[in-house]
Amino acid sequence: MREIWCDESGYEGEKLIDSTTPLFAHAAVQLDEAVAAELLLELRSRIRSPASAYRAGHLLREKNRAVLRWFLAESPVRGHGTVFVLDKTEWVATRLAELLDVPPDKIDRSPYVLAAGNDLLRGKDQPGVVDEFFRVSGLTVGRERAELFRAWLLTDPGLNSVLDPLVPALEAAAKHWGPVAVLHDRQIMLPERRVEQLRARTGGLIASIRLLPLEEHPRIQLADMLAGTVRWIVEHPDDAGLHALAPPYLL
């Protein structure tokens, strides 16, 4: 069974609008333990940070730009890592369009409408979210569908989530690498019930998911670095010196 080691960047659960980053990224690496440990030692020798665990932020410092280029273009992670990137605004707009049965271009992308739509789709008991969304959006269709959706969502918010980007990210990784055992950084949004749901959704391509501390596992640190750096590059397309480094990793 192939193992993939995973971590995410820009993740705030189902809070996708007014979040700290416009994109969510999820990386998977498939490397031998010895190769990963040696790579992490090489990064330490190049970055020279005393941090106990290395993360994407170390590579994104301006003084480490050459190390970042080497990491993505020449290190062993090249050809052994993938990154799923999701645009949070478009994800919310698409989910709203599907719920309301309207074309995506009918969803207003203004901040107030998207924030209200995010609240409507989130698995939180927030009275009045349906009224608020239709008030700010100006839409006149889909109210009954929205009310039925809220009733269904709140019967089991964890399993009924339509927003959590971890779900499509892990599905994409499983489709690319599977069948796989997933070793993932500790994540409260992956309880056993969600894992069983993902196994079923992927037709068994995900055999298991284990949650492990990043600090103790070089391959999860590498996944964190890959997710964070590729997300940052995609968010900054004007940086011509780095832009060509991201596409080979994108799912």
Protein backbone atom coordinates (compact mmCIF):
# COMPACT_ATOMS: atom_id res chain seq x y z
CA MET A 1 0.00 0.00 0.00
CA ARG A 2 1.41 3.36 -1.03
CA GLU A 3 1.67 6.00 1.70
CA ILE A 4 1.20 9.72 1.13
CA TRP A 5 2.10 12.35 3.69
CA CYS A 6 -0.15 15.38 3.75
CA ASP A 7 -0.66 18.86 5.13
CA GLU A 8 -2.63 21.93 4.14
CA SER A 9 -2.14 25.69 3.92
CA GLY A 10 -4.67 28.50 4.14
CA TYR A 11 -7.21 26.33 5.94
CA GLU A 12 -9.86 27.77 8.24
CA GLY A 13 -12.45 25.04 8.06
CA GLU A 14 -15.68 26.23 6.47
CA LYS A 15 -14.78 29.91 6.92
CA LEU A 16 -13.89 30.72 3.33
CA ILE A 17 -14.89 34.37 2.97
CA ASP A 18 -13.02 37.08 4.90
CA SER A 19 -10.35 34.51 5.71
CA THR A 20 -6.62 35.16 5.86
CA THR A 21 -5.82 33.79 2.38
CA PRO A 22 -7.76 33.74 -0.92
CA LEU A 23 -6.66 30.19 -1.70
CA PHE A 24 -6.61 26.86 0.10
CA ALA A 25 -3.87 24.36 -0.74
CA HIS A 26 -3.36 20.74 0.24
CA ALA A 27 -0.15 18.85 -0.52
CA ALA A 28 0.71 15.18 -0.64
CA VAL A 29 4.25 13.82 -0.86
CA GLN A 30 5.32 10.26 -1.53
CA LEU A 31 8.94 9.81 -0.44
CA ASP A 32 10.99 7.18 1.33
CA GLU A 33 11.67 8.03 4.96
CA ALA A 34 15.45 8.15 4.46
CA VAL A 35 15.16 10.44 1.42
CA ALA A 36 12.83 12.79 3.29
CA ALA A 37 15.11 12.94 6.33
CA GLU A 38 18.12 13.70 4.14
CA LEU A 39 16.18 16.39 2.28
CA LEU A 40 15.17 18.04 5.52
CA LEU A 41 18.80 18.04 6.68
CA GLU A 42 19.80 19.67 3.39
CA LEU A 43 17.15 22.34 3.87
CA ARG A 44 18.44 22.97 7.39
CA SER A 45 21.97 23.43 6.08
CA ARG A 46 20.75 25.92 3.47
CA ILE A 47 18.21 27.85 5.57
CA ARG A 48 20.14 27.75 8.85
CA SER A 49 17.17 28.35 11.13
CA PRO A 50 17.24 26.97 14.70
CA ALA A 51 13.52 26.11 14.53
CA SER A 52 12.71 22.60 15.72
CA ALA A 53 10.32 22.07 12.80
CA TYR A 54 10.54 23.65 9.38
CA ARG A 55 7.46 25.05 7.68
CA ALA A 56 6.58 26.91 4.48
CA GLY A 57 7.29 30.28 6.07
CA HIS A 58 10.99 29.49 6.29
CA LEU A 59 11.21 29.01 2.53
CA LEU A 60 9.12 32.09 1.75
CA ARG A 61 11.52 34.50 3.42
CA GLU A 62 13.16 36.73 0.85
CA LYS A 63 16.65 35.70 1.93
CA ASN A 64 15.76 32.06 1.16
CA ARG A 65 14.46 32.64 -2.36
CA ALA A 66 17.25 30.56 -3.91
CA VAL A 67 16.48 27.70 -1.51
CA LEU A 68 12.81 27.87 -2.50
CA ARG A 69 13.71 27.60 -6.17
CA TRP A 70 15.94 24.62 -5.45
CA PHE A 71 13.28 22.94 -3.31
CA LEU A 72 10.61 23.12 -6.01
CA ALA A 73 12.79 22.66 -9.10
CA GLU A 74 15.62 20.32 -8.11
CA SER A 75 15.03 18.61 -4.76
CA PRO A 76 13.65 15.05 -4.45
CA VAL A 77 10.15 16.43 -3.85
CA ARG A 78 10.00 17.24 -7.57
CA GLY A 79 8.00 14.45 -9.17
CA HIS A 80 7.01 13.08 -5.78
CA GLY A 81 4.55 15.70 -4.62
CA THR A 82 1.19 17.12 -5.66
CA VAL A 83 -0.81 20.16 -4.58
CA PHE A 84 -4.55 20.70 -4.78
CA VAL A 85 -5.42 24.42 -4.89
CA LEU A 86 -8.91 25.80 -4.35
CA ASP A 87 -10.11 29.38 -4.88
CA LYS A 88 -12.27 30.04 -1.82
CA THR A 89 -14.47 32.68 -3.46
CA GLU A 90 -15.25 30.51 -6.46
CA TRP A 91 -15.83 27.47 -4.25
CA VAL A 92 -18.50 29.31 -2.25
CA ALA A 93 -20.08 30.78 -5.41
CA THR A 94 -20.19 27.39 -7.10
CA ARG A 95 -21.73 25.69 -4.08
CA LEU A 96 -24.36 28.45 -3.88
CA ALA A 97 -25.19 28.09 -7.58
CA GLU A 98 -25.63 24.34 -7.17
CA LEU A 99 -27.84 24.79 -4.11
CA LEU A 100 -30.06 27.40 -5.73
CA ASP A 101 -30.03 25.70 -9.18
CA VAL A 102 -28.82 28.82 -10.98
CA PRO A 103 -25.82 29.40 -13.30
CA PRO A 104 -22.63 30.34 -11.40
CA ASP A 105 -22.53 33.74 -13.10
CA LYS A 106 -25.82 34.61 -11.38
CA ILE A 107 -24.07 34.61 -8.00
CA ASP A 108 -22.97 38.11 -7.01
CA ARG A 109 -19.28 38.01 -5.99
CA SER A 110 -19.50 41.13 -3.80
CA PRO A 111 -18.13 40.65 -0.26
CA TYR A 112 -21.48 41.02 1.54
CA VAL A 113 -23.24 38.49 -0.67
CA LEU A 114 -20.41 35.97 -0.48
CA ALA A 115 -20.14 36.33 3.30
CA ALA A 116 -23.89 35.76 3.65
CA GLY A 117 -23.63 32.80 1.29
CA ASN A 118 -20.78 31.36 3.31
CA ASP A 119 -22.93 31.59 6.44
CA LEU A 120 -25.83 29.94 4.63
CA LEU A 121 -23.68 26.99 3.60
CA ARG A 122 -21.74 26.53 6.86
CA GLY A 123 -22.70 23.80 9.26
CA LYS A 124 -23.38 26.15 12.17
CA ASP A 125 -26.70 26.79 13.83
CA GLN A 126 -27.13 30.43 12.81
CA PRO A 127 -30.78 31.50 12.86
CA GLY A 128 -31.75 33.92 10.12
CA VAL A 129 -28.99 33.07 7.63
CA VAL A 130 -31.45 32.21 4.87
CA ASP A 131 -33.28 35.53 5.23
CA GLU A 132 -30.02 37.44 5.36
CA PHE A 133 -28.64 35.83 2.21
CA PHE A 134 -31.74 36.56 0.15
CA ARG A 135 -31.89 40.10 1.55
CA VAL A 136 -28.35 41.01 0.48
CA SER A 137 -28.21 38.94 -2.72
CA GLY A 138 -31.43 40.20 -4.27
CA LEU A 139 -32.17 36.71 -5.60
CA THR A 140 -35.79 35.65 -5.79
CA VAL A 141 -35.33 31.97 -6.60
CA GLY A 142 -34.20 29.07 -4.48
CA ARG A 143 -35.49 30.06 -1.05
CA GLU A 144 -37.34 26.78 -0.49
CA ARG A 145 -34.26 24.82 -1.57
CA ALA A 146 -32.15 26.85 0.85
CA GLU A 147 -34.52 26.20 3.75
CA LEU A 148 -34.56 22.46 3.04
CA PHE A 149 -30.78 22.47 2.75
CA ARG A 150 -30.35 24.15 6.15
CA ALA A 151 -32.65 21.60 7.79
CA TRP A 152 -30.67 18.73 6.22
CA LEU A 153 -27.26 20.27 6.97
CA LEU A 154 -27.97 20.72 10.66
CA THR A 155 -29.01 17.09 11.13
CA ASP A 156 -25.29 16.22 10.95
CA PRO A 157 -23.10 19.26 10.18
CA GLY A 158 -19.86 17.29 10.26
CA LEU A 159 -20.79 14.70 7.67
CA ASN A 160 -23.17 16.85 5.60
CA SER A 161 -20.64 19.61 4.94
CA VAL A 162 -20.63 20.90 1.36
CA LEU A 163 -17.91 23.50 1.99
CA ASP A 164 -14.99 21.87 3.79
CA PRO A 165 -12.12 22.01 1.24
CA LEU A 166 -10.34 19.07 2.89
CA VAL A 167 -12.90 16.75 1.29
CA PRO A 168 -12.22 17.57 -2.39
CA ALA A 169 -8.49 17.87 -1.61
CA LEU A 170 -8.24 14.37 -0.19
CA GLU A 171 -10.45 13.01 -2.96
CA ALA A 172 -8.11 14.54 -5.56
CA ALA A 173 -5.03 13.14 -3.82
CA ALA A 174 -6.60 9.69 -3.63
CA LYS A 175 -7.54 9.78 -7.31
CA HIS A 176 -3.96 10.69 -8.26
CA TRP A 177 -2.01 8.46 -5.86
CA GLY A 178 -4.49 5.81 -4.82
CA PRO A 179 -5.05 3.41 -3.38
CA VAL A 180 -3.27 5.02 -0.45
CA ALA A 181 -2.83 5.17 3.27
CA VAL A 182 -2.87 8.84 4.26
CA LEU A 183 -0.56 10.16 6.98
CA HIS A 184 -1.80 13.65 7.81
CA ASP A 185 -0.85 16.44 10.15
CA ARG A 186 -3.13 16.52 13.18
CA GLN A 187 -6.49 17.92 12.13
CA ILE A 188 -9.67 18.16 14.21
CA MET A 189 -11.74 18.15 11.01
CA LEU A 190 -10.80 14.53 10.30
CA PRO A 191 -12.54 12.51 13.02
CA GLU A 192 -13.14 8.82 12.42
CA ARG A 193 -16.64 9.37 11.04
CA ARG A 194 -15.30 11.76 8.40
CA VAL A 195 -12.54 9.29 7.54
CA GLU A 196 -15.10 6.54 6.97
CA GLN A 197 -17.11 8.90 4.79
CA LEU A 198 -14.02 9.71 2.70
CA ARG A 199 -13.21 6.04 2.31
CA ALA A 200 -16.71 5.45 0.97
CA ARG A 201 -16.67 8.52 -1.30
CA THR A 202 -13.39 7.44 -2.88
CA GLY A 203 -14.47 3.85 -3.42
CA GLY A 204 -11.77 2.63 -1.07
CA LEU A 205 -8.93 4.59 -2.74
CA ILE A 206 -8.28 5.96 0.75
CA ALA A 207 -7.55 2.88 2.82
CA SER A 208 -6.91 4.77 6.06
CA ILE A 209 -6.04 8.16 7.50
CA ARG A 210 -3.70 8.54 10.47
CA LEU A 211 -3.14 11.87 12.18
CA LEU A 212 0.43 12.54 13.29
CA PRO A 213 2.36 15.50 14.75
CA LEU A 214 4.20 17.51 12.10
CA GLU A 215 7.15 18.09 14.43
CA GLU A 216 8.02 14.38 14.52
CA HIS A 217 7.65 13.55 10.84
CA PRO A 218 9.89 15.06 8.14
CA ARG A 219 7.53 14.04 5.35
CA ILE A 220 4.66 16.01 6.89
CA GLN A 221 6.99 19.00 7.25
CA LEU A 222 7.82 18.67 3.56
CA ALA A 223 4.10 18.52 2.73
CA ASP A 224 3.57 21.70 4.75
CA MET A 225 6.39 23.43 2.86
CA LEU A 226 5.04 22.27 -0.48
CA ALA A 227 1.45 23.33 0.24
CA GLY A 228 2.41 26.74 1.62
CA THR A 229 4.94 27.67 -1.04
CA VAL A 230 2.83 26.57 -4.00
CA ARG A 231 -0.21 28.38 -2.58
CA TRP A 232 1.83 31.57 -2.17
CA ILE A 233 3.20 31.35 -5.73
CA VAL A 234 -0.27 30.84 -7.22
CA GLU A 235 -1.52 33.81 -5.20
CA HIS A 236 1.32 35.99 -6.59
CA PRO A 237 1.30 35.35 -10.36
CA ASP A 238 3.27 38.55 -11.06
CA ASP A 239 6.39 37.05 -9.51
CA ALA A 240 7.84 35.82 -12.79
CA GLY A 241 10.87 34.33 -11.08
CA LEU A 242 8.74 31.78 -9.26
CA HIS A 243 5.58 31.40 -11.34
CA ALA A 244 6.86 28.54 -13.49
CA LEU A 245 7.72 26.44 -10.43
CA ALA A 246 4.13 25.74 -9.33
CA PRO A 247 2.38 24.11 -12.35
CA PRO A 248 4.26 20.77 -12.23
CA TYR A 249 2.76 20.13 -8.80
CA LEU A 250 -0.83 21.17 -9.42
CA LEU A 251 -3.60 18.58 -9.60
